[in-house]
């Protein structure tokens, strides 16, 4: 599988994807940005922190943004396969049902069974396998069953769809000092960073945050709000920004 090249990510591409996401029949919403109360994260410096509430999306996370753009650029009624521990899989399954596509989600055995059950309720097949076998099973589905692979994070259409979140941030705060994004596979981080930097915010510092020494793709319970609070505190004290945006996202990995 070819890696996504940064040279392919242009401002026009991202803006086109943003319009696709906004008009998607999947019901992607412009989530609110709210001030983070100082009593939640007490700081010794003066700054403004805003939180982007992506947990308010219909499928519970930002994943629906990238999925909306992916499906809009694939033929309807296709036969798709992906790999996910649940959060991307939920949006994939929801879109598959809406567009009348056949779908299969290859999930790690460590994923909660409740997520598998939810995904199956949309009429999508689930195959649970050891984490080390995820990609080999996907390749088997592509080669033997002629399925089309939709990657859960390393896909240009997905990244462009996620960039819509970055544009929404800039509508509220045109020149943020710091943007902190929860990071698993990196699709959201790539999209948000591209939207902000290609829009001319050269001085904005963008950070991807994940638990130290832990792969979120292997341990879905590793991320906690406390971890993000601690990282934000360190970043703000180090840089003393005037404004900071945090994308609070459920399921920042697969």
C-alpha atoms as a PDB file:
ATOM      1  CA  UNK A   1       0.000   0.000   0.000  1.00  0.00           C
ATOM      2  CA  UNK A   2       1.363   3.405  -1.002  1.00  0.00           C
ATOM      3  CA  UNK A   3       1.868   6.002   1.704  1.00  0.00           C
ATOM      4  CA  UNK A   4       0.070   9.331   1.425  1.00  0.00           C
ATOM      5  CA  UNK A   5       2.466  12.010   0.140  1.00  0.00           C
ATOM      6  CA  UNK A   6       2.345  15.481   1.670  1.00  0.00           C
ATOM      7  CA  UNK A   7       2.740  16.909  -1.834  1.00  0.00           C
ATOM      8  CA  UNK A   8      -0.778  15.709  -2.669  1.00  0.00           C
ATOM      9  CA  UNK A   9      -2.354  17.700   0.155  1.00  0.00           C
ATOM     10  CA  UNK A  10      -3.325  21.134  -1.169  1.00  0.00           C
ATOM     11  CA  UNK A  11      -5.545  23.898   0.189  1.00  0.00           C
ATOM     12  CA  UNK A  12      -7.984  23.481  -2.698  1.00  0.00           C
ATOM     13  CA  UNK A  13      -8.219  19.744  -2.033  1.00  0.00           C
ATOM     14  CA  UNK A  14      -8.970  20.351   1.645  1.00  0.00           C
ATOM     15  CA  UNK A  15     -11.559  23.044   0.932  1.00  0.00           C
ATOM     16  CA  UNK A  16     -13.327  20.799  -1.543  1.00  0.00           C
ATOM     17  CA  UNK A  17     -13.382  18.030   1.033  1.00  0.00           C
ATOM     18  CA  UNK A  18     -14.762  20.435   3.634  1.00  0.00           C
ATOM     19  CA  UNK A  19     -17.724  21.212   1.373  1.00  0.00           C
ATOM     20  CA  UNK A  20     -18.261  17.492   0.827  1.00  0.00           C
ATOM     21  CA  UNK A  21     -18.278  16.863   4.562  1.00  0.00           C
ATOM     22  CA  UNK A  22     -20.619  19.783   5.261  1.00  0.00           C
ATOM     23  CA  UNK A  23     -23.157  18.564   2.698  1.00  0.00           C
ATOM     24  CA  UNK A  24     -22.791  14.853   3.470  1.00  0.00           C
ATOM     25  CA  UNK A  25     -26.039  12.916   3.967  1.00  0.00           C
ATOM     26  CA  UNK A  26     -24.317  11.243   6.932  1.00  0.00           C
ATOM     27  CA  UNK A  27     -25.171  14.268   9.047  1.00  0.00           C
ATOM     28  CA  UNK A  28     -21.740  15.544  10.042  1.00  0.00           C
ATOM     29  CA  UNK A  29     -22.179  18.564  12.314  1.00  0.00           C
ATOM     30  CA  UNK A  30     -20.068  21.620  13.075  1.00  0.00           C
ATOM     31  CA  UNK A  31     -19.252  20.839  16.688  1.00  0.00           C
ATOM     32  CA  UNK A  32     -19.042  23.647  19.230  1.00  0.00           C
ATOM     33  CA  UNK A  33     -15.851  25.067  20.709  1.00  0.00           C
ATOM     34  CA  UNK A  34     -16.241  25.985  24.370  1.00  0.00           C
ATOM     35  CA  UNK A  35     -13.910  27.658  26.882  1.00  0.00           C
ATOM     36  CA  UNK A  36     -12.106  25.262  29.212  1.00  0.00           C
ATOM     37  CA  UNK A  37     -12.899  26.270  32.796  1.00  0.00           C
ATOM     38  CA  UNK A  38      -9.838  27.251  34.807  1.00  0.00           C
ATOM     39  CA  UNK A  39     -11.148  25.180  37.711  1.00  0.00           C
ATOM     40  CA  UNK A  40     -10.739  22.091  35.538  1.00  0.00           C
ATOM     41  CA  UNK A  41      -7.174  22.890  34.541  1.00  0.00           C
ATOM     42  CA  UNK A  42      -5.726  25.461  36.968  1.00  0.00           C
ATOM     43  CA  UNK A  43      -2.837  27.370  35.412  1.00  0.00           C
ATOM     44  CA  UNK A  44      -0.370  29.906  36.687  1.00  0.00           C
ATOM     45  CA  UNK A  45      -0.317  31.798  33.398  1.00  0.00           C
ATOM     46  CA  UNK A  46      -2.924  33.873  31.617  1.00  0.00           C
ATOM     47  CA  UNK A  47      -4.282  32.125  28.541  1.00  0.00           C
ATOM     48  CA  UNK A  48      -7.484  31.118  26.785  1.00  0.00           C
ATOM     49  CA  UNK A  49      -8.193  27.428  26.181  1.00  0.00           C
ATOM     50  CA  UNK A  50     -10.989  26.150  23.969  1.00  0.00           C
ATOM     51  CA  UNK A  51     -12.224  22.596  23.508  1.00  0.00           C
ATOM     52  CA  UNK A  52     -13.664  21.215  20.260  1.00  0.00           C
ATOM     53  CA  UNK A  53     -16.424  18.781  21.223  1.00  0.00           C
ATOM     54  CA  UNK A  54     -16.172  16.089  18.565  1.00  0.00           C
ATOM     55  CA  UNK A  55     -17.824  13.568  20.867  1.00  0.00           C
ATOM     56  CA  UNK A  56     -21.092  15.222  19.810  1.00  0.00           C
ATOM     57  CA  UNK A  57     -20.888  13.743  16.309  1.00  0.00           C
ATOM     58  CA  UNK A  58     -23.596  11.223  15.444  1.00  0.00           C
ATOM     59  CA  UNK A  59     -21.196   8.275  15.674  1.00  0.00           C
ATOM     60  CA  UNK A  60     -19.462   9.576  18.805  1.00  0.00           C
ATOM     61  CA  UNK A  61     -16.172  10.797  17.350  1.00  0.00           C
ATOM     62  CA  UNK A  62     -14.481  12.798  14.594  1.00  0.00           C
ATOM     63  CA  UNK A  63     -14.128   9.670  12.439  1.00  0.00           C
ATOM     64  CA  UNK A  64     -17.345  10.432  10.552  1.00  0.00           C
ATOM     65  CA  UNK A  65     -15.639  13.433   8.909  1.00  0.00           C
ATOM     66  CA  UNK A  66     -13.057  11.364   7.072  1.00  0.00           C
ATOM     67  CA  UNK A  67     -15.529   8.574   6.329  1.00  0.00           C
ATOM     68  CA  UNK A  68     -17.960  11.056   4.757  1.00  0.00           C
ATOM     69  CA  UNK A  69     -15.285  12.178   2.298  1.00  0.00           C
ATOM     70  CA  UNK A  70     -14.053   8.632   1.637  1.00  0.00           C
ATOM     71  CA  UNK A  71     -17.481   7.281   0.728  1.00  0.00           C
ATOM     72  CA  UNK A  72     -18.331  10.357  -1.361  1.00  0.00           C
ATOM     73  CA  UNK A  73     -15.380   9.503  -3.601  1.00  0.00           C
ATOM     74  CA  UNK A  74     -16.099   5.783  -3.969  1.00  0.00           C
ATOM     75  CA  UNK A  75     -18.782   4.166  -6.139  1.00  0.00           C
ATOM     76  CA  UNK A  76     -22.023   3.482  -4.311  1.00  0.00           C
ATOM     77  CA  UNK A  77     -22.812  -0.149  -3.703  1.00  0.00           C
ATOM     78  CA  UNK A  78     -19.146  -1.099  -3.428  1.00  0.00           C
ATOM     79  CA  UNK A  79     -17.682  -3.880  -1.315  1.00  0.00           C
ATOM     80  CA  UNK A  80     -15.292  -2.407   1.245  1.00  0.00           C
ATOM     81  CA  UNK A  81     -13.045  -3.737   3.987  1.00  0.00           C
ATOM     82  CA  UNK A  82     -11.235  -1.900   6.755  1.00  0.00           C
ATOM     83  CA  UNK A  83      -9.424  -2.574  10.020  1.00  0.00           C
ATOM     84  CA  UNK A  84     -10.521  -0.905  13.220  1.00  0.00           C
ATOM     85  CA  UNK A  85     -10.750  -1.403  16.962  1.00  0.00           C
ATOM     86  CA  UNK A  86     -14.176   0.198  16.871  1.00  0.00           C
ATOM     87  CA  UNK A  87     -14.332   3.967  16.492  1.00  0.00           C
ATOM     88  CA  UNK A  88     -13.540   4.192  12.793  1.00  0.00           C
ATOM     89  CA  UNK A  89     -15.471   0.945  12.329  1.00  0.00           C
ATOM     90  CA  UNK A  90     -18.637   2.510  13.734  1.00  0.00           C
ATOM     91  CA  UNK A  91     -18.535   5.361  11.225  1.00  0.00           C
ATOM     92  CA  UNK A  92     -17.594   2.955   8.418  1.00  0.00           C
ATOM     93  CA  UNK A  93     -20.551   0.713   9.283  1.00  0.00           C
ATOM     94  CA  UNK A  94     -22.948   3.635   9.558  1.00  0.00           C
ATOM     95  CA  UNK A  95     -21.879   4.925   6.127  1.00  0.00           C
ATOM     96  CA  UNK A  96     -22.037   1.447   4.588  1.00  0.00           C
ATOM     97  CA  UNK A  97     -25.661   1.059   5.659  1.00  0.00           C
ATOM     98  CA  UNK A  98     -26.595   4.543   4.448  1.00  0.00           C
ATOM     99  CA  UNK A  99     -25.029   4.105   0.998  1.00  0.00           C
ATOM    100  CA  UNK A 100     -26.088   0.483   0.567  1.00  0.00           C
ATOM    101  CA  UNK A 101     -22.522  -0.814   0.415  1.00  0.00           C
ATOM    102  CA  UNK A 102     -21.245  -4.166   1.592  1.00  0.00           C
ATOM    103  CA  UNK A 103     -18.675  -3.851   4.338  1.00  0.00           C
ATOM    104  CA  UNK A 104     -16.359  -5.809   6.552  1.00  0.00           C
ATOM    105  CA  UNK A 105     -14.418  -4.623   9.594  1.00  0.00           C
ATOM    106  CA  UNK A 106     -11.372  -6.620  10.666  1.00  0.00           C
ATOM    107  CA  UNK A 107     -11.021  -6.033  14.406  1.00  0.00           C
ATOM    108  CA  UNK A 108      -8.339  -6.951  16.960  1.00  0.00           C
ATOM    109  CA  UNK A 109      -9.413  -9.609  19.435  1.00  0.00           C
ATOM    110  CA  UNK A 110      -8.706  -7.150  22.247  1.00  0.00           C
ATOM    111  CA  UNK A 111     -11.462  -4.766  21.102  1.00  0.00           C
ATOM    112  CA  UNK A 112     -14.588  -4.679  23.287  1.00  0.00           C
ATOM    113  CA  UNK A 113     -17.215  -7.149  22.078  1.00  0.00           C
ATOM    114  CA  UNK A 114     -19.836  -4.411  22.453  1.00  0.00           C
ATOM    115  CA  UNK A 115     -18.179  -2.522  19.608  1.00  0.00           C
ATOM    116  CA  UNK A 116     -18.302  -5.566  17.370  1.00  0.00           C
ATOM    117  CA  UNK A 117     -21.985  -6.013  18.172  1.00  0.00           C
ATOM    118  CA  UNK A 118     -22.757  -2.384  17.366  1.00  0.00           C
ATOM    119  CA  UNK A 119     -20.910  -2.547  14.056  1.00  0.00           C
ATOM    120  CA  UNK A 120     -22.707  -5.758  13.100  1.00  0.00           C
ATOM    121  CA  UNK A 121     -26.056  -4.110  13.868  1.00  0.00           C
ATOM    122  CA  UNK A 122     -25.514  -1.933  10.787  1.00  0.00           C
ATOM    123  CA  UNK A 123     -25.283  -5.041   8.595  1.00  0.00           C
ATOM    124  CA  UNK A 124     -21.497  -5.035   8.360  1.00  0.00           C
ATOM    125  CA  UNK A 125     -19.474  -8.229   8.802  1.00  0.00           C
ATOM    126  CA  UNK A 126     -16.908  -8.372  11.599  1.00  0.00           C
ATOM    127  CA  UNK A 127     -13.872 -10.665  11.805  1.00  0.00           C
ATOM    128  CA  UNK A 128     -11.901 -10.609  15.059  1.00  0.00           C
ATOM    129  CA  UNK A 129      -8.234 -11.582  14.741  1.00  0.00           C
ATOM    130  CA  UNK A 130      -4.950 -11.162  16.634  1.00  0.00           C
ATOM    131  CA  UNK A 131      -3.606  -7.628  16.315  1.00  0.00           C
ATOM    132  CA  UNK A 132      -0.543  -8.887  14.436  1.00  0.00           C
ATOM    133  CA  UNK A 133      -2.820 -10.405  11.765  1.00  0.00           C
ATOM    134  CA  UNK A 134      -4.961  -7.352  10.967  1.00  0.00           C
ATOM    135  CA  UNK A 135      -3.188  -6.325   7.781  1.00  0.00           C
ATOM    136  CA  UNK A 136      -2.756  -9.854   6.453  1.00  0.00           C
ATOM    137  CA  UNK A 137      -6.484 -10.518   6.825  1.00  0.00           C
ATOM    138  CA  UNK A 138      -7.297  -7.254   5.051  1.00  0.00           C
ATOM    139  CA  UNK A 139      -4.962  -8.238   2.203  1.00  0.00           C
ATOM    140  CA  UNK A 140      -6.676 -11.617   1.963  1.00  0.00           C
ATOM    141  CA  UNK A 141     -10.060  -9.919   1.624  1.00  0.00           C
ATOM    142  CA  UNK A 142      -8.714  -7.668  -1.122  1.00  0.00           C
ATOM    143  CA  UNK A 143      -7.028 -10.465  -3.063  1.00  0.00           C
ATOM    144  CA  UNK A 144      -9.523 -13.293  -2.616  1.00  0.00           C
ATOM    145  CA  UNK A 145     -12.829 -11.451  -2.320  1.00  0.00           C
ATOM    146  CA  UNK A 146     -12.079  -8.406  -4.526  1.00  0.00           C
ATOM    147  CA  UNK A 147     -12.879  -5.976  -1.708  1.00  0.00           C
ATOM    148  CA  UNK A 148     -11.685  -2.371  -1.740  1.00  0.00           C
ATOM    149  CA  UNK A 149      -9.593  -1.385   1.276  1.00  0.00           C
ATOM    150  CA  UNK A 150     -10.547   1.830   3.061  1.00  0.00           C
ATOM    151  CA  UNK A 151      -7.724   2.729   5.426  1.00  0.00           C
ATOM    152  CA  UNK A 152      -8.710   4.034   8.833  1.00  0.00           C
ATOM    153  CA  UNK A 153      -5.994   6.701   8.956  1.00  0.00           C
ATOM    154  CA  UNK A 154      -3.482   6.560   6.063  1.00  0.00           C
ATOM    155  CA  UNK A 155      -5.768   7.684   3.229  1.00  0.00           C
ATOM    156  CA  UNK A 156      -5.770  10.991   1.360  1.00  0.00           C
ATOM    157  CA  UNK A 157      -9.566  11.328   1.208  1.00  0.00           C
ATOM    158  CA  UNK A 158      -9.833  10.519   4.909  1.00  0.00           C
ATOM    159  CA  UNK A 159      -7.164  13.065   5.872  1.00  0.00           C
ATOM    160  CA  UNK A 160      -8.822  15.716   3.702  1.00  0.00           C
ATOM    161  CA  UNK A 161     -12.152  15.029   5.388  1.00  0.00           C
ATOM    162  CA  UNK A 162     -10.603  15.369   8.839  1.00  0.00           C
ATOM    163  CA  UNK A 163      -9.171  18.737   7.776  1.00  0.00           C
ATOM    164  CA  UNK A 164     -12.702  20.146   8.050  1.00  0.00           C
ATOM    165  CA  UNK A 165     -12.170  20.160  11.827  1.00  0.00           C
ATOM    166  CA  UNK A 166      -9.137  22.404  11.398  1.00  0.00           C
ATOM    167  CA  UNK A 167     -11.084  24.857   9.249  1.00  0.00           C
ATOM    168  CA  UNK A 168     -13.836  25.000  11.879  1.00  0.00           C
ATOM    169  CA  UNK A 169     -11.243  25.854  14.514  1.00  0.00           C
ATOM    170  CA  UNK A 170     -10.007  28.761  12.387  1.00  0.00           C
ATOM    171  CA  UNK A 171     -13.544  30.092  11.954  1.00  0.00           C
ATOM    172  CA  UNK A 172     -13.712  30.624  15.718  1.00  0.00           C
ATOM    173  CA  UNK A 173     -10.046  31.416  16.370  1.00  0.00           C
ATOM    174  CA  UNK A 174      -8.291  32.636  13.194  1.00  0.00           C
ATOM    175  CA  UNK A 175      -4.753  32.549  14.614  1.00  0.00           C
ATOM    176  CA  UNK A 176      -4.420  30.096  17.517  1.00  0.00           C
ATOM    177  CA  UNK A 177      -1.066  29.961  19.271  1.00  0.00           C
ATOM    178  CA  UNK A 178      -1.238  26.238  20.021  1.00  0.00           C
ATOM    179  CA  UNK A 179      -3.444  23.407  18.762  1.00  0.00           C
ATOM    180  CA  UNK A 180      -3.330  20.087  20.616  1.00  0.00           C
ATOM    181  CA  UNK A 181      -4.742  17.016  18.880  1.00  0.00           C
ATOM    182  CA  UNK A 182      -5.109  13.515  20.295  1.00  0.00           C
ATOM    183  CA  UNK A 183      -3.126  11.200  18.049  1.00  0.00           C
ATOM    184  CA  UNK A 184      -3.389   7.491  17.302  1.00  0.00           C
ATOM    185  CA  UNK A 185      -2.808   6.588  13.655  1.00  0.00           C
ATOM    186  CA  UNK A 186      -2.260  10.239  12.728  1.00  0.00           C
ATOM    187  CA  UNK A 187      -5.013  10.823  10.168  1.00  0.00           C
ATOM    188  CA  UNK A 188      -6.755  13.508  12.198  1.00  0.00           C
ATOM    189  CA  UNK A 189      -3.494  15.194  13.163  1.00  0.00           C
ATOM    190  CA  UNK A 190      -2.395  15.297   9.509  1.00  0.00           C
ATOM    191  CA  UNK A 191      -5.686  16.806   8.381  1.00  0.00           C
ATOM    192  CA  UNK A 192      -5.912  19.434  11.112  1.00  0.00           C
ATOM    193  CA  UNK A 193      -2.256  20.420  10.726  1.00  0.00           C
ATOM    194  CA  UNK A 194      -2.594  20.728   6.943  1.00  0.00           C
ATOM    195  CA  UNK A 195      -5.729  22.872   7.183  1.00  0.00           C
ATOM    196  CA  UNK A 196      -4.168  25.237   9.704  1.00  0.00           C
ATOM    197  CA  UNK A 197      -0.728  25.566   8.119  1.00  0.00           C
ATOM    198  CA  UNK A 198      -1.967  25.823   4.520  1.00  0.00           C
ATOM    199  CA  UNK A 199      -4.348  28.561   5.683  1.00  0.00           C
ATOM    200  CA  UNK A 200      -1.320  30.687   6.553  1.00  0.00           C
ATOM    201  CA  UNK A 201      -1.029  30.178  10.302  1.00  0.00           C
ATOM    202  CA  UNK A 202       2.748  29.867  10.185  1.00  0.00           C
ATOM    203  CA  UNK A 203       3.249  30.715  13.854  1.00  0.00           C
ATOM    204  CA  UNK A 204       0.699  28.241  15.205  1.00  0.00           C
ATOM    205  CA  UNK A 205       2.307  25.332  17.042  1.00  0.00           C
ATOM    206  CA  UNK A 206       0.531  22.012  16.568  1.00  0.00           C
ATOM    207  CA  UNK A 207       1.047  19.040  18.886  1.00  0.00           C
ATOM    208  CA  UNK A 208      -0.122  15.462  18.609  1.00  0.00           C
ATOM    209  CA  UNK A 209      -0.649  13.895  22.048  1.00  0.00           C
ATOM    210  CA  UNK A 210      -0.714  10.228  23.031  1.00  0.00           C
ATOM    211  CA  UNK A 211       0.180   8.378  26.239  1.00  0.00           C
ATOM    212  CA  UNK A 212       3.918   8.031  26.776  1.00  0.00           C
ATOM    213  CA  UNK A 213       5.194   4.615  25.717  1.00  0.00           C
ATOM    214  CA  UNK A 214       1.757   3.311  24.737  1.00  0.00           C
ATOM    215  CA  UNK A 215       0.348   2.562  21.299  1.00  0.00           C
ATOM    216  CA  UNK A 216      -3.288   3.630  21.248  1.00  0.00           C
ATOM    217  CA  UNK A 217      -3.945   1.142  18.473  1.00  0.00           C
ATOM    218  CA  UNK A 218      -3.160  -1.711  20.871  1.00  0.00           C
ATOM    219  CA  UNK A 219      -4.678  -0.384  24.055  1.00  0.00           C
ATOM    220  CA  UNK A 220      -7.965   1.387  23.555  1.00  0.00           C
ATOM    221  CA  UNK A 221      -8.286   2.169  27.272  1.00  0.00           C
ATOM    222  CA  UNK A 222      -4.888   3.845  27.535  1.00  0.00           C
ATOM    223  CA  UNK A 223      -6.024   7.414  26.818  1.00  0.00           C
ATOM    224  CA  UNK A 224      -7.638   9.340  29.647  1.00  0.00           C
ATOM    225  CA  UNK A 225      -8.714  12.965  29.972  1.00  0.00           C
ATOM    226  CA  UNK A 226      -6.146  13.299  32.784  1.00  0.00           C
ATOM    227  CA  UNK A 227      -3.326  12.489  30.348  1.00  0.00           C
ATOM    228  CA  UNK A 228      -4.459  15.295  28.049  1.00  0.00           C
ATOM    229  CA  UNK A 229      -4.795  17.696  30.991  1.00  0.00           C
ATOM    230  CA  UNK A 230      -1.200  16.982  32.021  1.00  0.00           C
ATOM    231  CA  UNK A 231       0.169  17.427  28.500  1.00  0.00           C
ATOM    232  CA  UNK A 232      -1.714  20.682  28.019  1.00  0.00           C
ATOM    233  CA  UNK A 233      -0.373  21.977  31.304  1.00  0.00           C
ATOM    234  CA  UNK A 234       3.226  21.222  30.258  1.00  0.00           C
ATOM    235  CA  UNK A 235       2.795  22.780  26.810  1.00  0.00           C
ATOM    236  CA  UNK A 236       1.173  25.937  28.100  1.00  0.00           C
ATOM    237  CA  UNK A 237       3.782  26.481  30.777  1.00  0.00           C
ATOM    238  CA  UNK A 238       6.559  25.926  28.244  1.00  0.00           C
ATOM    239  CA  UNK A 239       5.240  28.340  25.629  1.00  0.00           C
ATOM    240  CA  UNK A 240       2.968  30.762  27.531  1.00  0.00           C
ATOM    241  CA  UNK A 241       0.558  31.123  24.599  1.00  0.00           C
ATOM    242  CA  UNK A 242      -2.296  33.563  24.473  1.00  0.00           C
ATOM    243  CA  UNK A 243      -4.729  31.036  23.045  1.00  0.00           C
ATOM    244  CA  UNK A 244      -4.893  27.283  22.806  1.00  0.00           C
ATOM    245  CA  UNK A 245      -7.326  24.927  21.127  1.00  0.00           C
ATOM    246  CA  UNK A 246      -7.727  21.327  22.228  1.00  0.00           C
ATOM    247  CA  UNK A 247      -9.609  18.888  20.033  1.00  0.00           C
ATOM    248  CA  UNK A 248     -11.202  16.594  22.589  1.00  0.00           C
ATOM    249  CA  UNK A 249     -11.833  13.424  20.718  1.00  0.00           C
ATOM    250  CA  UNK A 250     -13.191  10.072  21.723  1.00  0.00           C
ATOM    251  CA  UNK A 251     -11.309   7.280  20.052  1.00  0.00           C
ATOM    252  CA  UNK A 252      -8.283   9.013  18.633  1.00  0.00           C
ATOM    253  CA  UNK A 253      -6.916   5.793  17.195  1.00  0.00           C
ATOM    254  CA  UNK A 254      -8.519   3.082  15.102  1.00  0.00           C
END
